[in-house]
PDB file of N, CA and C in Angstrom:
ATOM      1  N   MET A   1       1.094  24.833-110.781  1.00  0.00           N
ATOM      2  CA  MET A   1       0.243  25.296-109.695  1.00  0.00           C
ATOM      3  C   MET A   1       0.284  26.821-109.681  1.00  0.00           C
ATOM      4  N   SER A   2      -0.860  27.455-109.421  1.00  0.00           N
ATOM      5  CA  SER A   2      -0.923  28.913-109.390  1.00  0.00           C
ATOM      6  C   SER A   2      -0.187  29.451-108.177  1.00  0.00           C
ATOM      7  N   GLU A   3       0.083  30.760-108.227  1.00  0.00           N
ATOM      8  CA  GLU A   3       0.786  31.383-107.102  1.00  0.00           C
ATOM      9  C   GLU A   3      -0.026  31.283-105.821  1.00  0.00           C
ATOM     10  N   ALA A   4      -1.357  31.509-105.941  1.00  0.00           N
ATOM     11  CA  ALA A   4      -2.224  31.409-104.755  1.00  0.00           C
ATOM     12  C   ALA A   4      -2.233  29.985-104.220  1.00  0.00           C
ATOM     13  N   GLY A   5      -2.248  29.001-105.156  1.00  0.00           N
ATOM     14  CA  GLY A   5      -2.243  27.605-104.727  1.00  0.00           C
ATOM     15  C   GLY A   5      -0.958  27.234-104.031  1.00  0.00           C
ATOM     16  N   SER A   6       0.179  27.746-104.546  1.00  0.00           N
ATOM     17  CA  SER A   6       1.451  27.430-103.898  1.00  0.00           C
ATOM     18  C   SER A   6       1.563  28.114-102.543  1.00  0.00           C
ATOM     19  N   GLU A   7       1.005  29.334-102.430  1.00  0.00           N
ATOM     20  CA  GLU A   7       1.010  30.016-101.129  1.00  0.00           C
ATOM     21  C   GLU A   7       0.161  29.255-100.126  1.00  0.00           C
ATOM     22  N   ALA A   8      -1.010  28.759-100.583  1.00  0.00           N
ATOM     23  CA  ALA A   8      -1.875  27.993 -99.679  1.00  0.00           C
ATOM     24  C   ALA A   8      -1.182  26.706 -99.255  1.00  0.00           C
ATOM     25  N   GLY A   9      -0.508  26.036-100.214  1.00  0.00           N
ATOM     26  CA  GLY A   9       0.220  24.823 -99.878  1.00  0.00           C
ATOM     27  C   GLY A   9       1.335  25.097 -98.893  1.00  0.00           C
ATOM     28  N   GLY A  10       2.028  26.237 -99.081  1.00  0.00           N
ATOM     29  CA  GLY A  10       3.087  26.617 -98.145  1.00  0.00           C
ATOM     30  C   GLY A  10       2.539  26.912 -96.768  1.00  0.00           C
ATOM     31  N   ALA A  11       1.371  27.562 -96.729  1.00  0.00           N
ATOM     32  CA  ALA A  11       0.748  27.874 -95.439  1.00  0.00           C
ATOM     33  C   ALA A  11       0.289  26.594 -94.750  1.00  0.00           C
ATOM     34  N   GLU A  12      -0.245  25.662 -95.543  1.00  0.00           N
ATOM     35  CA  GLU A  12      -0.678  24.391 -94.958  1.00  0.00           C
ATOM     36  C   GLU A  12       0.518  23.625 -94.398  1.00  0.00           C
ATOM     37  N   GLN A  13       1.616  23.653 -95.138  1.00  0.00           N
ATOM     38  CA  GLN A  13       2.831  22.981 -94.660  1.00  0.00           C
ATOM     39  C   GLN A  13       3.337  23.650 -93.389  1.00  0.00           C
ATOM     40  N   ALA A  14       3.259  24.994 -93.360  1.00  0.00           N
ATOM     41  CA  ALA A  14       3.697  25.723 -92.167  1.00  0.00           C
ATOM     42  C   ALA A  14       2.842  25.344 -90.961  1.00  0.00           C
ATOM     43  N   ALA A  15       1.536  25.210 -91.191  1.00  0.00           N
ATOM     44  CA  ALA A  15       0.650  24.824 -90.095  1.00  0.00           C
ATOM     45  C   ALA A  15       0.992  23.431 -89.585  1.00  0.00           C
ATOM     46  N   ALA A  16       1.217  22.505 -90.509  1.00  0.00           N
ATOM     47  CA  ALA A  16       1.574  21.143 -90.107  1.00  0.00           C
ATOM     48  C   ALA A  16       2.913  21.129 -89.372  1.00  0.00           C
ATOM     49  N   ASP A  17       3.895  21.911 -89.878  1.00  0.00           N
ATOM     50  CA  ASP A  17       5.201  21.990 -89.214  1.00  0.00           C
ATOM     51  C   ASP A  17       5.072  22.561 -87.804  1.00  0.00           C
ATOM     52  N   PHE A  18       4.242  23.590 -87.669  1.00  0.00           N
ATOM     53  CA  PHE A  18       4.041  24.217 -86.361  1.00  0.00           C
ATOM     54  C   PHE A  18       3.499  23.200 -85.359  1.00  0.00           C
ATOM     55  N   LEU A  19       2.439  22.504 -85.731  1.00  0.00           N
ATOM     56  CA  LEU A  19       1.835  21.543 -84.811  1.00  0.00           C
ATOM     57  C   LEU A  19       2.794  20.390 -84.514  1.00  0.00           C
ATOM     58  N   ARG A  20       3.575  19.973 -85.519  1.00  0.00           N
ATOM     59  CA  ARG A  20       4.568  18.918 -85.287  1.00  0.00           C
ATOM     60  C   ARG A  20       5.612  19.384 -84.280  1.00  0.00           C
ATOM     61  N   ARG A  21       6.097  20.623 -84.428  1.00  0.00           N
ATOM     62  CA  ARG A  21       7.105  21.156 -83.507  1.00  0.00           C
ATOM     63  C   ARG A  21       6.558  21.311 -82.088  1.00  0.00           C
ATOM     64  N   VAL A  22       5.313  21.720 -81.997  1.00  0.00           N
ATOM     65  CA  VAL A  22       4.700  21.843 -80.671  1.00  0.00           C
ATOM     66  C   VAL A  22       4.676  20.483 -79.995  1.00  0.00           C
ATOM     67  N   ARG A  23       4.245  19.447 -80.735  1.00  0.00           N
ATOM     68  CA  ARG A  23       4.212  18.099 -80.150  1.00  0.00           C
ATOM     69  C   ARG A  23       5.613  17.632 -79.753  1.00  0.00           C
ATOM     70  N   GLU A  24       6.609  17.910 -80.606  1.00  0.00           N
ATOM     71  CA  GLU A  24       7.980  17.517 -80.281  1.00  0.00           C
ATOM     72  C   GLU A  24       8.459  18.199 -79.008  1.00  0.00           C
ATOM     73  N   ARG A  25       8.181  19.467 -78.870  1.00  0.00           N
ATOM     74  CA  ARG A  25       8.660  20.213 -77.708  1.00  0.00           C
ATOM     75  C   ARG A  25       7.893  19.820 -76.442  1.00  0.00           C
ATOM     76  N   LEU A  26       6.626  19.469 -76.590  1.00  0.00           N
ATOM     77  CA  LEU A  26       5.880  19.010 -75.417  1.00  0.00           C
ATOM     78  C   LEU A  26       6.433  17.686 -74.916  1.00  0.00           C
ATOM     79  N   GLY A  27       6.920  16.853 -75.838  1.00  0.00           N
ATOM     80  CA  GLY A  27       7.488  15.575 -75.450  1.00  0.00           C
ATOM     81  C   GLY A  27       8.945  15.670 -75.046  1.00  0.00           C
ATOM     82  N   ASP A  28       9.557  16.815 -75.255  1.00  0.00           N
ATOM     83  CA  ASP A  28      10.976  17.016 -74.939  1.00  0.00           C
ATOM     84  C   ASP A  28      11.154  16.962 -73.424  1.00  0.00           C
ATOM     85  N   GLY A  29      12.131  16.198 -72.978  1.00  0.00           N
ATOM     86  CA  GLY A  29      12.372  16.059 -71.546  1.00  0.00           C
ATOM     87  C   GLY A  29      13.232  17.166 -70.972  1.00  0.00           C
ATOM     88  N   ALA A  30      13.568  18.155 -71.792  1.00  0.00           N
ATOM     89  CA  ALA A  30      14.444  19.232 -71.314  1.00  0.00           C
ATOM     90  C   ALA A  30      13.763  20.009 -70.200  1.00  0.00           C
ATOM     91  N   GLU A  31      14.615  20.558 -69.341  1.00  0.00           N
ATOM     92  CA  GLU A  31      14.076  21.361 -68.253  1.00  0.00           C
ATOM     93  C   GLU A  31      13.668  22.728 -68.769  1.00  0.00           C
ATOM     94  N   GLY A  32      12.903  23.425 -67.989  1.00  0.00           N
ATOM     95  CA  GLY A  32      12.445  24.758 -68.383  1.00  0.00           C
ATOM     96  C   GLY A  32      10.942  24.771 -68.504  1.00  0.00           C
ATOM     97  N   SER A  33      10.417  25.953 -68.546  1.00  0.00           N
ATOM     98  CA  SER A  33       8.962  26.084 -68.605  1.00  0.00           C
ATOM     99  C   SER A  33       8.448  25.682 -69.981  1.00  0.00           C
ATOM    100  N   LEU A  34       7.198  25.340 -70.026  1.00  0.00           N
ATOM    101  CA  LEU A  34       6.547  24.978 -71.279  1.00  0.00           C
ATOM    102  C   LEU A  34       6.632  26.143 -72.268  1.00  0.00           C
ATOM    103  N   ALA A  35       6.430  27.349 -71.798  1.00  0.00           N
ATOM    104  CA  ALA A  35       6.487  28.526 -72.671  1.00  0.00           C
ATOM    105  C   ALA A  35       7.863  28.669 -73.301  1.00  0.00           C
ATOM    106  N   ALA A  36       8.912  28.445 -72.535  1.00  0.00           N
ATOM    107  CA  ALA A  36      10.274  28.562 -73.071  1.00  0.00           C
ATOM    108  C   ALA A  36      10.543  27.505 -74.130  1.00  0.00           C
ATOM    109  N   ARG A  37       9.988  26.305 -73.947  1.00  0.00           N
ATOM    110  CA  ARG A  37      10.195  25.238 -74.926  1.00  0.00           C
ATOM    111  C   ARG A  37       9.391  25.482 -76.197  1.00  0.00           C
ATOM    112  N   LEU A  38       8.214  26.110 -76.065  1.00  0.00           N
ATOM    113  CA  LEU A  38       7.360  26.345 -77.228  1.00  0.00           C
ATOM    114  C   LEU A  38       7.682  27.630 -77.970  1.00  0.00           C
ATOM    115  N   ALA A  39       8.338  28.574 -77.321  1.00  0.00           N
ATOM    116  CA  ALA A  39       8.554  29.903 -77.902  1.00  0.00           C
ATOM    117  C   ALA A  39       9.163  29.880 -79.298  1.00  0.00           C
ATOM    118  N   PRO A  40      10.219  29.106 -79.579  1.00  0.00           N
ATOM    119  CA  PRO A  40      10.787  29.146 -80.932  1.00  0.00           C
ATOM    120  C   PRO A  40       9.800  28.717 -82.016  1.00  0.00           C
ATOM    121  N   ALA A  41       9.064  27.637 -81.777  1.00  0.00           N
ATOM    122  CA  ALA A  41       8.103  27.174 -82.780  1.00  0.00           C
ATOM    123  C   ALA A  41       6.974  28.173 -82.947  1.00  0.00           C
ATOM    124  N   VAL A  42       6.490  28.704 -81.837  1.00  0.00           N
ATOM    125  CA  VAL A  42       5.387  29.660 -81.894  1.00  0.00           C
ATOM    126  C   VAL A  42       5.807  30.931 -82.614  1.00  0.00           C
ATOM    127  N   SER A  43       6.972  31.476 -82.274  1.00  0.00           N
ATOM    128  CA  SER A  43       7.386  32.740 -82.875  1.00  0.00           C
ATOM    129  C   SER A  43       7.664  32.598 -84.363  1.00  0.00           C
ATOM    130  N   GLN A  44       8.122  31.443 -84.790  1.00  0.00           N
ATOM    131  CA  GLN A  44       8.458  31.253 -86.193  1.00  0.00           C
ATOM    132  C   GLN A  44       7.235  30.981 -87.058  1.00  0.00           C
ATOM    133  N   LEU A  45       6.260  30.252 -86.566  1.00  0.00           N
ATOM    134  CA  LEU A  45       5.200  29.771 -87.444  1.00  0.00           C
ATOM    135  C   LEU A  45       3.799  30.253 -87.123  1.00  0.00           C
ATOM    136  N   THR A  46       3.574  30.896 -86.015  1.00  0.00           N
ATOM    137  CA  THR A  46       2.219  31.285 -85.656  1.00  0.00           C
ATOM    138  C   THR A  46       1.591  32.208 -86.688  1.00  0.00           C
ATOM    139  N   ASP A  47       2.344  33.191 -87.193  1.00  0.00           N
ATOM    140  CA  ASP A  47       1.773  34.115 -88.164  1.00  0.00           C
ATOM    141  C   ASP A  47       1.268  33.380 -89.398  1.00  0.00           C
ATOM    142  N   ARG A  48       2.039  32.393 -89.868  1.00  0.00           N
ATOM    143  CA  ARG A  48       1.602  31.639 -91.044  1.00  0.00           C
ATOM    144  C   ARG A  48       0.368  30.797 -90.741  1.00  0.00           C
ATOM    145  N   LEU A  49       0.285  30.249 -89.544  1.00  0.00           N
ATOM    146  CA  LEU A  49      -0.896  29.479 -89.163  1.00  0.00           C
ATOM    147  C   LEU A  49      -2.118  30.377 -89.108  1.00  0.00           C
ATOM    148  N   VAL A  50      -1.961  31.578 -88.560  1.00  0.00           N
ATOM    149  CA  VAL A  50      -3.068  32.542 -88.507  1.00  0.00           C
ATOM    150  C   VAL A  50      -3.491  32.938 -89.918  1.00  0.00           C
ATOM    151  N   ILE A  51      -2.510  33.153 -90.808  1.00  0.00           N
ATOM    152  CA  ILE A  51      -2.828  33.510 -92.193  1.00  0.00           C
ATOM    153  C   ILE A  51      -3.623  32.395 -92.856  1.00  0.00           C
ATOM    154  N   LEU A  52      -3.208  31.148 -92.649  1.00  0.00           N
ATOM    155  CA  LEU A  52      -3.934  30.016 -93.220  1.00  0.00           C
ATOM    156  C   LEU A  52      -5.371  29.978 -92.701  1.00  0.00           C
ATOM    157  N   ALA A  53      -5.539  30.105 -91.395  1.00  0.00           N
ATOM    158  CA  ALA A  53      -6.881  30.065 -90.811  1.00  0.00           C
ATOM    159  C   ALA A  53      -7.737  31.221 -91.326  1.00  0.00           C
ATOM    160  N   CYS A  54      -7.158  32.424 -91.374  1.00  0.00           N
ATOM    161  CA  CYS A  54      -7.914  33.584 -91.850  1.00  0.00           C
ATOM    162  C   CYS A  54      -8.270  33.448 -93.324  1.00  0.00           C
ATOM    163  N   ASP A  55      -7.344  32.901 -94.118  1.00  0.00           N
ATOM    164  CA  ASP A  55      -7.613  32.686 -95.540  1.00  0.00           C
ATOM    165  C   ASP A  55      -8.794  31.746 -95.725  1.00  0.00           C
ATOM    166  N   ARG A  56      -8.764  30.630 -95.031  1.00  0.00           N
ATOM    167  CA  ARG A  56      -9.857  29.654 -95.174  1.00  0.00           C
ATOM    168  C   ARG A  56     -11.188  30.249 -94.693  1.00  0.00           C
ATOM    169  N   LEU A  57     -11.162  30.896 -93.540  1.00  0.00           N
ATOM    170  CA  LEU A  57     -12.398  31.471 -93.005  1.00  0.00           C
ATOM    171  C   LEU A  57     -12.900  32.613 -93.876  1.00  0.00           C
ATOM    172  N   GLY A  58     -11.980  33.446 -94.388  1.00  0.00           N
ATOM    173  CA  GLY A  58     -12.362  34.567 -95.239  1.00  0.00           C
ATOM    174  C   GLY A  58     -13.029  34.117 -96.525  1.00  0.00           C
ATOM    175  N   ARG A  59     -12.587  32.978 -97.050  1.00  0.00           N
ATOM    176  CA  ARG A  59     -13.186  32.441 -98.264  1.00  0.00           C
ATOM    177  C   ARG A  59     -14.426  31.600 -97.952  1.00  0.00           C
ATOM    178  N   GLY A  60     -14.735  31.451 -96.692  1.00  0.00           N
ATOM    179  CA  GLY A  60     -15.885  30.635 -96.304  1.00  0.00           C
ATOM    180  C   GLY A  60     -15.625  29.149 -96.486  1.00  0.00           C
ATOM    181  N   ASP A  61     -14.365  28.758 -96.550  1.00  0.00           N
ATOM    182  CA  ASP A  61     -13.987  27.367 -96.749  1.00  0.00           C
ATOM    183  C   ASP A  61     -13.812  26.691 -95.391  1.00  0.00           C
ATOM    184  N   MET A  62     -14.926  26.387 -94.743  1.00  0.00           N
ATOM    185  CA  MET A  62     -14.865  25.784 -93.424  1.00  0.00           C
ATOM    186  C   MET A  62     -14.281  24.372 -93.498  1.00  0.00           C
ATOM    187  N   THR A  63     -14.575  23.661 -94.564  1.00  0.00           N
ATOM    188  CA  THR A  63     -14.022  22.317 -94.712  1.00  0.00           C
ATOM    189  C   THR A  63     -12.502  22.382 -94.781  1.00  0.00           C
ATOM    190  N   GLY A  64     -11.977  23.291 -95.614  1.00  0.00           N
ATOM    191  CA  GLY A  64     -10.528  23.447 -95.726  1.00  0.00           C
ATOM    192  C   GLY A  64      -9.901  23.879 -94.418  1.00  0.00           C
ATOM    193  N   PHE A  65     -10.590  24.763 -93.694  1.00  0.00           N
ATOM    194  CA  PHE A  65     -10.098  25.240 -92.405  1.00  0.00           C
ATOM    195  C   PHE A  65      -9.929  24.075 -91.428  1.00  0.00           C
ATOM    196  N   PHE A  66     -10.983  23.281 -91.279  1.00  0.00           N
ATOM    197  CA  PHE A  66     -10.920  22.177 -90.330  1.00  0.00           C
ATOM    198  C   PHE A  66     -10.012  21.057 -90.818  1.00  0.00           C
ATOM    199  N   GLU A  67      -9.954  20.817 -92.131  1.00  0.00           N
ATOM    200  CA  GLU A  67      -9.053  19.794 -92.643  1.00  0.00           C
ATOM    201  C   GLU A  67      -7.598  20.142 -92.337  1.00  0.00           C
ATOM    202  N   ALA A  68      -7.243  21.416 -92.536  1.00  0.00           N
ATOM    203  CA  ALA A  68      -5.865  21.838 -92.253  1.00  0.00           C
ATOM    204  C   ALA A  68      -5.528  21.624 -90.780  1.00  0.00           C
ATOM    205  N   LEU A  69      -6.455  21.957 -89.894  1.00  0.00           N
ATOM    206  CA  LEU A  69      -6.209  21.766 -88.473  1.00  0.00           C
ATOM    207  C   LEU A  69      -6.142  20.286 -88.103  1.00  0.00           C
ATOM    208  N   LEU A  70      -7.068  19.507 -88.657  1.00  0.00           N
ATOM    209  CA  LEU A  70      -7.098  18.085 -88.326  1.00  0.00           C
ATOM    210  C   LEU A  70      -5.869  17.350 -88.832  1.00  0.00           C
ATOM    211  N   GLU A  71      -5.353  17.737 -90.012  1.00  0.00           N
ATOM    212  CA  GLU A  71      -4.167  17.080 -90.546  1.00  0.00           C
ATOM    213  C   GLU A  71      -2.954  17.306 -89.659  1.00  0.00           C
ATOM    214  N   GLY A  72      -2.915  18.428 -88.954  1.00  0.00           N
ATOM    215  CA  GLY A  72      -1.782  18.728 -88.091  1.00  0.00           C
ATOM    216  C   GLY A  72      -1.885  18.115 -86.712  1.00  0.00           C
ATOM    217  N   MET A  73      -2.997  17.462 -86.420  1.00  0.00           N
ATOM    218  CA  MET A  73      -3.199  16.877 -85.093  1.00  0.00           C
ATOM    219  C   MET A  73      -2.795  15.409 -85.082  1.00  0.00           C
ATOM    220  N   SER A  74      -2.452  14.944 -83.906  1.00  0.00           N
ATOM    221  CA  SER A  74      -2.192  13.510 -83.748  1.00  0.00           C
ATOM    222  C   SER A  74      -3.542  12.792 -83.712  1.00  0.00           C
ATOM    223  N   GLU A  75      -3.517  11.475 -83.821  1.00  0.00           N
ATOM    224  CA  GLU A  75      -4.761  10.699 -83.799  1.00  0.00           C
ATOM    225  C   GLU A  75      -5.525  10.911 -82.488  1.00  0.00           C
ATOM    226  N   GLY A  76      -4.807  10.957 -81.383  1.00  0.00           N
ATOM    227  CA  GLY A  76      -5.457  11.197 -80.084  1.00  0.00           C
ATOM    228  C   GLY A  76      -6.109  12.566 -80.010  1.00  0.00           C
ATOM    229  N   GLU A  77      -5.418  13.582 -80.552  1.00  0.00           N
ATOM    230  CA  GLU A  77      -5.981  14.936 -80.566  1.00  0.00           C
ATOM    231  C   GLU A  77      -7.227  14.993 -81.437  1.00  0.00           C
ATOM    232  N   ARG A  78      -7.189  14.308 -82.602  1.00  0.00           N
ATOM    233  CA  ARG A  78      -8.369  14.290 -83.487  1.00  0.00           C
ATOM    234  C   ARG A  78      -9.541  13.601 -82.811  1.00  0.00           C
ATOM    235  N   THR A  79      -9.266  12.501 -82.127  1.00  0.00           N
ATOM    236  CA  THR A  79     -10.325  11.765 -81.432  1.00  0.00           C
ATOM    237  C   THR A  79     -10.968  12.636 -80.355  1.00  0.00           C
ATOM    238  N   ALA A  80     -10.145  13.308 -79.550  1.00  0.00           N
ATOM    239  CA  ALA A  80     -10.670  14.184 -78.493  1.00  0.00           C
ATOM    240  C   ALA A  80     -11.457  15.334 -79.090  1.00  0.00           C
ATOM    241  N   TRP A  81     -10.948  15.921 -80.182  1.00  0.00           N
ATOM    242  CA  TRP A  81     -11.633  17.047 -80.831  1.00  0.00           C
ATOM    243  C   TRP A  81     -12.993  16.610 -81.358  1.00  0.00           C
ATOM    244  N   ARG A  82     -13.036  15.452 -82.011  1.00  0.00           N
ATOM    245  CA  ARG A  82     -14.309  14.947 -82.546  1.00  0.00           C
ATOM    246  C   ARG A  82     -15.290  14.644 -81.425  1.00  0.00           C
ATOM    247  N   ARG A  83     -14.798  14.089 -80.313  1.00  0.00           N
ATOM    248  CA  ARG A  83     -15.672  13.773 -79.183  1.00  0.00           C
ATOM    249  C   ARG A  83     -16.276  15.058 -78.612  1.00  0.00           C
ATOM    250  N   GLU A  84     -15.435  16.083 -78.434  1.00  0.00           N
ATOM    251  CA  GLU A  84     -15.922  17.361 -77.901  1.00  0.00           C
ATOM    252  C   GLU A  84     -16.896  18.022 -78.871  1.00  0.00           C
ATOM    253  N   LEU A  85     -16.588  17.977 -80.162  1.00  0.00           N
ATOM    254  CA  LEU A  85     -17.463  18.563 -81.167  1.00  0.00           C
ATOM    255  C   LEU A  85     -18.809  17.853 -81.195  1.00  0.00           C
ATOM    256  N   SER A  86     -18.790  16.529 -81.136  1.00  0.00           N
ATOM    257  CA  SER A  86     -20.036  15.758 -81.138  1.00  0.00           C
ATOM    258  C   SER A  86     -20.878  16.066 -79.904  1.00  0.00           C
ATOM    259  N   ALA A  87     -20.244  16.179 -78.756  1.00  0.00           N
ATOM    260  CA  ALA A  87     -20.975  16.480 -77.522  1.00  0.00           C
ATOM    261  C   ALA A  87     -21.590  17.876 -77.597  1.00  0.00           C
ATOM    262  N   GLU A  88     -20.832  18.848 -78.119  1.00  0.00           N
ATOM    263  CA  GLU A  88     -21.347  20.216 -78.245  1.00  0.00           C
ATOM    264  C   GLU A  88     -22.495  20.267 -79.244  1.00  0.00           C
ATOM    265  N   TRP A  89     -22.360  19.567 -80.353  1.00  0.00           N
ATOM    266  CA  TRP A  89     -23.428  19.515 -81.357  1.00  0.00           C
ATOM    267  C   TRP A  89     -24.685  18.908 -80.752  1.00  0.00           C
ATOM    268  N   SER A  90     -24.522  17.842 -79.999  1.00  0.00           N
ATOM    269  CA  SER A  90     -25.663  17.184 -79.366  1.00  0.00           C
ATOM    270  C   SER A  90     -26.372  18.128 -78.395  1.00  0.00           C
ATOM    271  N   ARG A  91     -25.591  18.877 -77.594  1.00  0.00           N
ATOM    272  CA  ARG A  91     -26.201  19.842 -76.662  1.00  0.00           C
ATOM    273  C   ARG A  91     -26.955  20.931 -77.414  1.00  0.00           C
ATOM    274  N   ALA A  92     -26.391  21.415 -78.511  1.00  0.00           N
ATOM    275  CA  ALA A  92     -27.045  22.479 -79.288  1.00  0.00           C
ATOM    276  C   ALA A  92     -28.336  21.982 -79.923  1.00  0.00           C
ATOM    277  N   VAL A  93     -28.304  20.770 -80.466  1.00  0.00           N
ATOM    278  CA  VAL A  93     -29.514  20.196 -81.079  1.00  0.00           C
ATOM    279  C   VAL A  93     -30.595  19.998 -80.030  1.00  0.00           C
ATOM    280  N   LEU A  94     -30.229  19.481 -78.877  1.00  0.00           N
ATOM    281  CA  LEU A  94     -31.196  19.262 -77.804  1.00  0.00           C
ATOM    282  C   LEU A  94     -31.796  20.588 -77.340  1.00  0.00           C
ATOM    283  N   ALA A  95     -30.976  21.622 -77.201  1.00  0.00           N
ATOM    284  CA  ALA A  95     -31.476  22.936 -76.773  1.00  0.00           C
ATOM    285  C   ALA A  95     -32.453  23.497 -77.806  1.00  0.00           C
ATOM    286  N   ARG A  96     -32.114  23.389 -79.102  1.00  0.00           N
ATOM    287  CA  ARG A  96     -33.020  23.879 -80.152  1.00  0.00           C
ATOM    288  C   ARG A  96     -34.322  23.103 -80.139  1.00  0.00           C
ATOM    289  N   TRP A  97     -34.239  21.778 -79.983  1.00  0.00           N
ATOM    290  CA  TRP A  97     -35.435  20.949 -79.970  1.00  0.00           C
ATOM    291  C   TRP A  97     -36.332  21.337 -78.789  1.00  0.00           C
ATOM    292  N   GLN A  98     -35.729  21.538 -77.619  1.00  0.00           N
ATOM    293  CA  GLN A  98     -36.507  21.921 -76.439  1.00  0.00           C
ATOM    294  C   GLN A  98     -37.137  23.300 -76.618  1.00  0.00           C
ATOM    295  N   ASP A  99     -36.390  24.252 -77.209  1.00  0.00           N
ATOM    296  CA  ASP A  99     -36.951  25.580 -77.478  1.00  0.00           C
ATOM    297  C   ASP A  99     -38.130  25.495 -78.440  1.00  0.00           C
ATOM    298  N   ASN A 100     -37.970  24.703 -79.496  1.00  0.00           N
ATOM    299  CA  ASN A 100     -39.058  24.542 -80.467  1.00  0.00           C
ATOM    300  C   ASN A 100     -40.254  23.845 -79.847  1.00  0.00           C
ATOM    301  N   GLN A 101     -39.983  22.868 -78.999  1.00  0.00           N
ATOM    302  CA  GLN A 101     -41.069  22.154 -78.326  1.00  0.00           C
ATOM    303  C   GLN A 101     -41.836  23.109 -77.412  1.00  0.00           C
ATOM    304  N   ALA A 102     -41.131  23.946 -76.683  1.00  0.00           N
ATOM    305  CA  ALA A 102     -41.789  24.915 -75.805  1.00  0.00           C
ATOM    306  C   ALA A 102     -42.624  25.893 -76.621  1.00  0.00           C
ATOM    307  N   LEU A 103     -42.110  26.348 -77.756  1.00  0.00           N
ATOM    308  CA  LEU A 103     -42.858  27.269 -78.613  1.00  0.00           C
ATOM    309  C   LEU A 103     -44.109  26.597 -79.164  1.00  0.00           C
ATOM    310  N   ARG A 104     -43.983  25.368 -79.627  1.00  0.00           N
ATOM    311  CA  ARG A 104     -45.165  24.645 -80.137  1.00  0.00           C
ATOM    312  C   ARG A 104     -46.208  24.484 -79.042  1.00  0.00           C
ATOM    313  N   ARG A 105     -45.767  24.176 -77.831  1.00  0.00           N
ATOM    314  CA  ARG A 105     -46.696  24.005 -76.712  1.00  0.00           C
ATOM    315  C   ARG A 105     -47.417  25.318 -76.419  1.00  0.00           C
ATOM    316  N   GLU A 106     -46.689  26.425 -76.410  1.00  0.00           N
ATOM    317  CA  GLU A 106     -47.314  27.730 -76.150  1.00  0.00           C
ATOM    318  C   GLU A 106     -48.323  28.086 -77.231  1.00  0.00           C
ATOM    319  N   ILE A 107     -47.989  27.818 -78.475  1.00  0.00           N
ATOM    320  CA  ILE A 107     -48.925  28.109 -79.573  1.00  0.00           C
ATOM    321  C   ILE A 107     -50.167  27.251 -79.451  1.00  0.00           C
ATOM    322  N   LEU A 108     -49.978  25.968 -79.184  1.00  0.00           N
ATOM    323  CA  LEU A 108     -51.102  25.058 -79.025  1.00  0.00           C
ATOM    324  C   LEU A 108     -51.994  25.485 -77.864  1.00  0.00           C
ATOM    325  N   GLU A 109     -51.401  25.833 -76.729  1.00  0.00           N
ATOM    326  CA  GLU A 109     -52.186  26.277 -75.578  1.00  0.00           C
ATOM    327  C   GLU A 109     -52.951  27.557 -75.897  1.00  0.00           C
ATOM    328  N   THR A 110     -52.339  28.462 -76.619  1.00  0.00           N
ATOM    329  CA  THR A 110     -53.008  29.715 -76.994  1.00  0.00           C
ATOM    330  C   THR A 110     -54.185  29.441 -77.912  1.00  0.00           C
ATOM    331  N   ILE A 111     -53.997  28.577 -78.897  1.00  0.00           N
ATOM    332  CA  ILE A 111     -55.091  28.234 -79.816  1.00  0.00           C
ATOM    333  C   ILE A 111     -56.248  27.599 -79.057  1.00  0.00           C
ATOM    334  N   LEU A 112     -55.932  26.657 -78.176  1.00  0.00           N
ATOM    335  CA  LEU A 112     -56.985  25.991 -77.397  1.00  0.00           C
ATOM    336  C   LEU A 112     -57.688  26.971 -76.458  1.00  0.00           C
ATOM    337  N   PHE A 113     -56.927  27.898 -75.865  1.00  0.00           N
ATOM    338  CA  PHE A 113     -57.518  28.904 -74.973  1.00  0.00           C
ATOM    339  C   PHE A 113     -58.481  29.809 -75.756  1.00  0.00           C
ATOM    340  N   VAL A 114     -58.061  30.264 -76.928  1.00  0.00           N
ATOM    341  CA  VAL A 114     -58.926  31.120 -77.761  1.00  0.00           C
ATOM    342  C   VAL A 114     -60.150  30.352 -78.190  1.00  0.00           C
ATOM    343  N   LYS A 115     -60.004  29.096 -78.582  1.00  0.00           N
ATOM    344  CA  LYS A 115     -61.135  28.257 -78.978  1.00  0.00           C
ATOM    345  C   LYS A 115     -62.107  28.081 -77.808  1.00  0.00           C
ATOM    346  N   ALA A 116     -61.572  27.863 -76.601  1.00  0.00           N
ATOM    347  CA  ALA A 116     -62.418  27.702 -75.415  1.00  0.00           C
ATOM    348  C   ALA A 116     -63.182  28.985 -75.132  1.00  0.00           C
ATOM    349  N   LEU A 117     -62.535  30.146 -75.277  1.00  0.00           N
ATOM    350  CA  LEU A 117     -63.213  31.430 -75.070  1.00  0.00           C
ATOM    351  C   LEU A 117     -64.323  31.629 -76.110  1.00  0.00           C
ATOM    352  N   ALA A 118     -64.068  31.247 -77.335  1.00  0.00           N
ATOM    353  CA  ALA A 118     -65.054  31.426 -78.394  1.00  0.00           C
ATOM    354  C   ALA A 118     -66.271  30.536 -78.182  1.00  0.00           C
ATOM    355  N   MET A 119     -66.069  29.385 -77.586  1.00  0.00           N
ATOM    356  CA  MET A 119     -67.165  28.439 -77.383  1.00  0.00           C
ATOM    357  C   MET A 119     -67.975  28.753 -76.119  1.00  0.00           C
ATOM    358  N   SER A 120     -67.423  29.550 -75.223  1.00  0.00           N
ATOM    359  CA  SER A 120     -68.158  29.780 -73.985  1.00  0.00           C
ATOM    360  C   SER A 120     -69.121  30.929 -74.087  1.00  0.00           C
TER     361      SER A 120
END
């Protein structure tokens, strides 16, 4: 494996480890604030997670970016993420369709208005 490939694999592993540790600490029954329980995992692995995300985005590898994030999520987190993404996509498509429909209507009305003026 190339050096870049091994670095990417290490970053992916770091991302998965980070998300696993976050889940473990969230489930930990120890007392203390959430921030105090998450601080060790965040301070140790956040930079590597950011590097992984920036690497994928910088290369335009959106599939790799989302795959790395999805692999680190639990099944429930993936389900919620997909549901939210689908709902947002649906809203965006509907908004574009309505904008295009309004534009088509305005063009049609303008053409008919000009035609009516020409005929009168």
